[in-house]
Protein backbone atom coordinates (compact mmCIF):
# COMPACT_ATOMS: atom_id res chain seq x y z
CA MET A 1 -4.74 -29.57 -18.96
CA THR A 2 -1.43 -28.05 -19.76
CA ALA A 3 -0.14 -26.35 -16.67
CA GLU A 4 1.10 -22.09 -17.67
CA VAL A 5 4.05 -21.23 -18.29
CA LEU A 6 4.78 -18.35 -16.30
CA ARG A 7 7.15 -15.28 -18.24
CA VAL A 8 9.92 -14.18 -15.80
CA VAL A 9 12.12 -11.01 -15.66
CA VAL A 10 15.52 -12.17 -13.48
CA ALA A 11 18.06 -9.21 -12.32
CA ASP A 12 20.93 -8.94 -10.35
CA ASP A 13 24.72 -7.47 -10.54
CA HIS A 14 25.96 -10.65 -9.80
CA THR A 15 26.37 -12.65 -12.37
CA VAL A 16 27.05 -15.57 -10.72
CA MET A 17 24.02 -15.36 -8.62
CA ARG A 18 21.92 -14.69 -11.65
CA ALA A 19 23.05 -17.56 -13.96
CA GLY A 20 22.50 -19.90 -10.76
CA VAL A 21 18.46 -18.42 -10.50
CA VAL A 22 18.47 -19.20 -14.16
CA ALA A 23 19.87 -22.71 -14.02
CA LEU A 24 17.38 -23.44 -11.36
CA MET A 25 14.39 -22.48 -13.25
CA ALA A 26 15.57 -24.26 -16.38
CA ALA A 27 13.97 -27.53 -15.32
CA GLU A 28 11.17 -25.92 -14.18
CA PRO A 29 8.64 -26.53 -17.52
CA THR A 30 6.05 -23.62 -15.83
CA VAL A 31 8.62 -21.10 -15.67
CA GLU A 32 10.33 -19.08 -18.54
CA ILE A 33 13.09 -17.13 -17.83
CA VAL A 34 12.34 -14.67 -20.53
CA GLY A 35 15.52 -11.77 -19.91
CA GLU A 36 18.25 -10.76 -17.51
CA ALA A 37 19.37 -7.38 -15.91
CA GLY A 38 22.18 -6.19 -14.24
CA ASP A 39 20.43 -3.63 -12.55
CA GLY A 40 17.50 -1.84 -11.65
CA GLY A 41 17.20 0.18 -15.02
CA GLU A 42 17.91 -2.59 -16.86
CA ALA A 43 14.99 -4.37 -14.91
CA VAL A 44 12.41 -2.24 -15.65
CA GLU A 45 13.29 -1.48 -19.20
CA LEU A 46 12.91 -5.30 -19.75
CA VAL A 47 9.78 -5.43 -17.88
CA GLU A 48 8.04 -2.53 -19.91
CA ARG A 49 9.27 -4.31 -23.57
CA LEU A 50 9.04 -7.95 -22.50
CA ASP A 51 5.72 -7.79 -19.79
CA PRO A 52 6.73 -10.79 -17.94
CA ASP A 53 4.72 -12.35 -15.51
CA VAL A 54 6.90 -11.64 -12.56
CA ALA A 55 10.40 -9.96 -12.38
CA LEU A 56 12.60 -11.33 -9.61
CA LEU A 57 14.71 -8.00 -8.44
CA ASP A 58 17.75 -8.36 -6.25
CA LEU A 59 17.57 -6.03 -3.54
CA ARG A 60 21.43 -4.09 -3.80
CA MET A 61 22.25 -3.09 -7.31
CA PRO A 62 23.81 -0.21 -8.70
CA GLY A 63 22.00 2.81 -10.70
CA LEU A 64 18.22 1.49 -9.49
CA ASP A 65 18.30 -0.64 -6.66
CA GLY A 66 15.67 -3.12 -6.49
CA VAL A 67 13.42 -0.56 -4.41
CA ALA A 68 13.77 1.77 -6.91
CA ALA A 69 13.26 -0.67 -9.34
CA THR A 70 9.76 -1.58 -8.12
CA THR A 71 8.56 1.87 -7.28
CA GLU A 72 8.89 2.39 -10.94
CA ILE A 73 7.22 -0.90 -12.31
CA VAL A 74 4.75 -0.31 -10.16
CA ALA A 75 4.34 3.78 -10.84
CA ARG A 76 4.16 2.79 -14.74
CA GLY A 77 0.89 0.46 -13.86
CA ARG A 78 2.61 -2.37 -14.81
CA ARG A 79 0.57 -6.08 -14.49
CA THR A 80 4.18 -7.88 -13.66
CA ARG A 81 4.66 -8.69 -10.09
CA VAL A 82 7.88 -8.14 -8.53
CA LEU A 83 9.23 -10.50 -6.20
CA ILE A 84 12.29 -9.04 -4.35
CA LEU A 85 15.01 -11.76 -3.95
CA THR A 86 18.20 -10.99 -1.52
CA THR A 87 20.41 -11.79 0.92
CA TYR A 88 19.13 -9.23 3.23
CA ASP A 89 16.06 -9.66 5.65
CA THR A 90 16.50 -6.45 7.90
CA ASP A 91 13.26 -5.00 9.19
CA ALA A 92 13.82 -1.79 7.35
CA ASP A 93 14.60 -3.75 4.18
CA ILE A 94 11.64 -5.22 4.29
CA GLU A 95 9.73 -2.13 4.78
CA ARG A 96 10.88 -0.44 2.35
CA ALA A 97 10.23 -2.95 -0.34
CA VAL A 98 6.76 -2.98 0.45
CA GLU A 99 6.20 0.21 0.87
CA ALA A 100 7.27 0.55 -2.30
CA GLY A 101 5.21 -2.47 -3.49
CA ALA A 102 6.73 -5.54 -4.25
CA ILE A 103 4.47 -8.47 -3.95
CA GLY A 104 6.95 -9.97 -1.62
CA TYR A 105 10.60 -10.91 -0.14
CA LEU A 106 12.47 -13.81 -0.59
CA LEU A 107 15.80 -14.57 0.82
CA LYS A 108 18.89 -16.39 -1.21
CA ASP A 109 18.96 -19.68 0.36
CA THR A 110 15.12 -19.95 -0.81
CA THR A 111 15.07 -23.47 -2.37
CA ARG A 112 13.87 -24.40 -6.01
CA GLU A 113 10.83 -25.42 -5.15
CA GLN A 114 9.91 -23.09 -2.94
CA LEU A 115 11.15 -20.21 -5.54
CA VAL A 116 8.29 -21.90 -8.07
CA ALA A 117 6.24 -21.75 -5.48
CA ALA A 118 6.50 -18.26 -5.07
CA ILE A 119 6.98 -17.33 -8.23
CA HIS A 120 2.98 -19.11 -9.06
CA ALA A 121 1.40 -17.43 -5.80
CA ALA A 122 3.17 -13.87 -7.07
CA ALA A 123 1.43 -14.38 -10.33
CA ARG A 124 -1.73 -15.05 -8.84
CA GLY A 125 -1.67 -12.33 -6.69
CA GLU A 126 -0.79 -13.74 -3.48
CA THR A 127 1.89 -12.06 -0.39
CA VAL A 128 4.71 -13.78 -0.36
CA LEU A 129 7.41 -14.25 2.46
CA ALA A 130 10.80 -15.83 3.27
CA PRO A 131 9.76 -18.15 6.21
CA ARG A 132 12.89 -16.12 8.16
CA VAL A 133 10.83 -12.56 6.63
CA ALA A 134 7.75 -14.06 8.10
CA ALA A 135 9.03 -15.10 11.10
CA LYS A 136 10.35 -11.31 11.62
CA LEU A 137 6.67 -10.54 11.46
CA VAL A 138 5.39 -13.23 13.46
CA SER A 139 7.76 -11.94 16.48
CA ARG A 140 6.40 -8.71 16.46
CA MET A 141 3.02 -9.88 16.95
CA ARG A 142 3.37 -9.49 20.71
CA ARG A 143 3.16 -5.80 20.27
CA PRO A 144 -0.20 -4.35 21.01
CA ALA A 145 -2.42 -4.24 17.46
CA PRO A 146 -2.24 -0.17 16.74
CA VAL A 147 -6.38 -0.86 15.39
CA ALA A 148 -8.98 -3.52 15.62
CA LEU A 149 -10.62 -4.60 12.20
CA THR A 150 -14.05 -5.72 11.98
CA ALA A 151 -14.88 -9.72 11.55
CA ARG A 152 -15.60 -8.33 8.11
CA GLU A 153 -12.55 -6.23 7.15
CA THR A 154 -10.27 -8.98 8.64
CA GLN A 155 -12.27 -11.58 6.25
CA VAL A 156 -11.51 -9.57 3.34
CA LEU A 157 -7.98 -8.72 4.38
CA GLU A 158 -7.79 -12.67 4.84
CA ALA A 159 -9.26 -13.08 1.63
CA VAL A 160 -6.35 -10.40 -0.46
CA ALA A 161 -3.64 -12.67 1.75
CA ASP A 162 -5.25 -15.30 -1.08
CA GLY A 163 -4.85 -13.30 -4.43
CA LEU A 164 -8.21 -12.69 -4.18
CA SER A 165 -9.31 -9.40 -6.80
CA ASN A 166 -12.41 -7.26 -5.63
CA ALA A 167 -14.65 -9.38 -7.37
CA GLU A 168 -13.45 -12.62 -6.27
CA ILE A 169 -13.55 -11.37 -3.18
CA GLY A 170 -17.45 -10.53 -3.51
CA LYS A 171 -18.34 -13.64 -4.52
CA ARG A 172 -16.60 -15.56 -1.31
CA LEU A 173 -18.29 -13.04 1.53
CA VAL A 174 -21.77 -12.67 -0.79
CA ILE A 175 -21.34 -9.23 -0.86
CA GLY A 176 -20.85 -6.50 -3.79
CA GLU A 177 -17.78 -5.22 -4.83
CA ALA A 178 -18.65 -2.04 -4.15
CA THR A 179 -18.83 -2.80 -1.08
CA VAL A 180 -15.44 -5.01 -0.82
CA LYS A 181 -13.52 -1.40 -2.24
CA THR A 182 -15.65 0.31 0.96
CA HIS A 183 -13.80 -2.48 3.13
CA LEU A 184 -10.48 -1.71 1.92
CA LEU A 185 -10.59 2.05 1.62
CA ARG A 186 -11.65 1.10 5.62
CA ILE A 187 -8.92 -1.26 6.40
CA PHE A 188 -5.92 1.24 4.53
CA ALA A 189 -7.03 4.16 6.83
CA LYS A 190 -7.16 2.26 9.91
CA LEU A 191 -3.72 0.65 9.26
CA ASP A 192 -2.02 3.67 7.76
CA VAL A 193 -1.12 1.73 4.52
CA ASN A 194 -2.07 3.07 0.77
CA ASP A 195 -2.03 -0.87 -1.35
CA ARG A 196 -2.96 -4.11 -0.43
CA THR A 197 -0.19 -5.88 -0.64
CA HIS A 198 1.08 -3.34 2.55
CA ALA A 199 -2.06 -3.83 4.20
CA VAL A 200 -1.54 -7.36 4.43
CA VAL A 201 2.07 -7.09 5.70
CA THR A 202 0.86 -4.73 8.03
CA ALA A 203 -1.97 -6.63 9.66
CA MET A 204 0.44 -9.90 9.77
CA SER A 205 2.81 -8.10 11.62
CA HIS A 206 0.55 -7.08 14.20
CA GLY A 207 -0.98 -10.55 14.14
CA LEU A 208 -4.34 -9.25 12.58
CA ILE A 209 -4.35 -12.25 10.04
CA PRO A 210 -2.44 -15.47 9.83
CA HIS A 211 1.22 -15.01 8.43
CA ARG A 212 1.73 -16.67 5.13
CA THR A 213 5.28 -18.30 3.68
CA THR A 214 6.85 -19.80 0.97
CA ASN A 215 6.44 -23.75 1.76
CA PRO A 216 4.83 -25.46 -0.49
CA HIS A 217 3.61 -28.25 1.10
CA PRO A 218 1.10 -26.92 4.09
């Protein structure tokens, strides 16, 4: 069976960095770079026109930065998953990206194998974090969790982190899809978040569910 080829848009205002990502993916048969952008505004236009599976966005760009571009892409209801690829790993930057709707946060020291694995994971709807970013979240685990999730809510949230849809979560846990939605609404309220990705990252940061990394080798 032929592997699915994922269509990806890359946005980075540094031409050399952008070319480097394109070159890394050139030999990867399961990833096709279908568009390149030099700023966030161009990235939004490319996503709108090309409807890629994944948008790989730099964080700091002129005009619309990666966070603003992510916000715009998500607000338009695009199916495209957004991965931030940056040199910045401060807590504030990570938080801003996740709040904007990015499904993952990678650093530019990511290897080709890790980047490919992250693109595929993001396309499946899985939350993707660079090991160093995940480590930052793990370091916060010593702080008391702001809330307590029930055993079922934890199972639902772990399934969300695995990239499962509501219907797939229902099948895994043998519950109705409406029940899954109810659990998610309660989880969002407890964690004070508005979306699935932010819920997963918040839960990981407080040790409520195990953290995930981009390491392609278990």
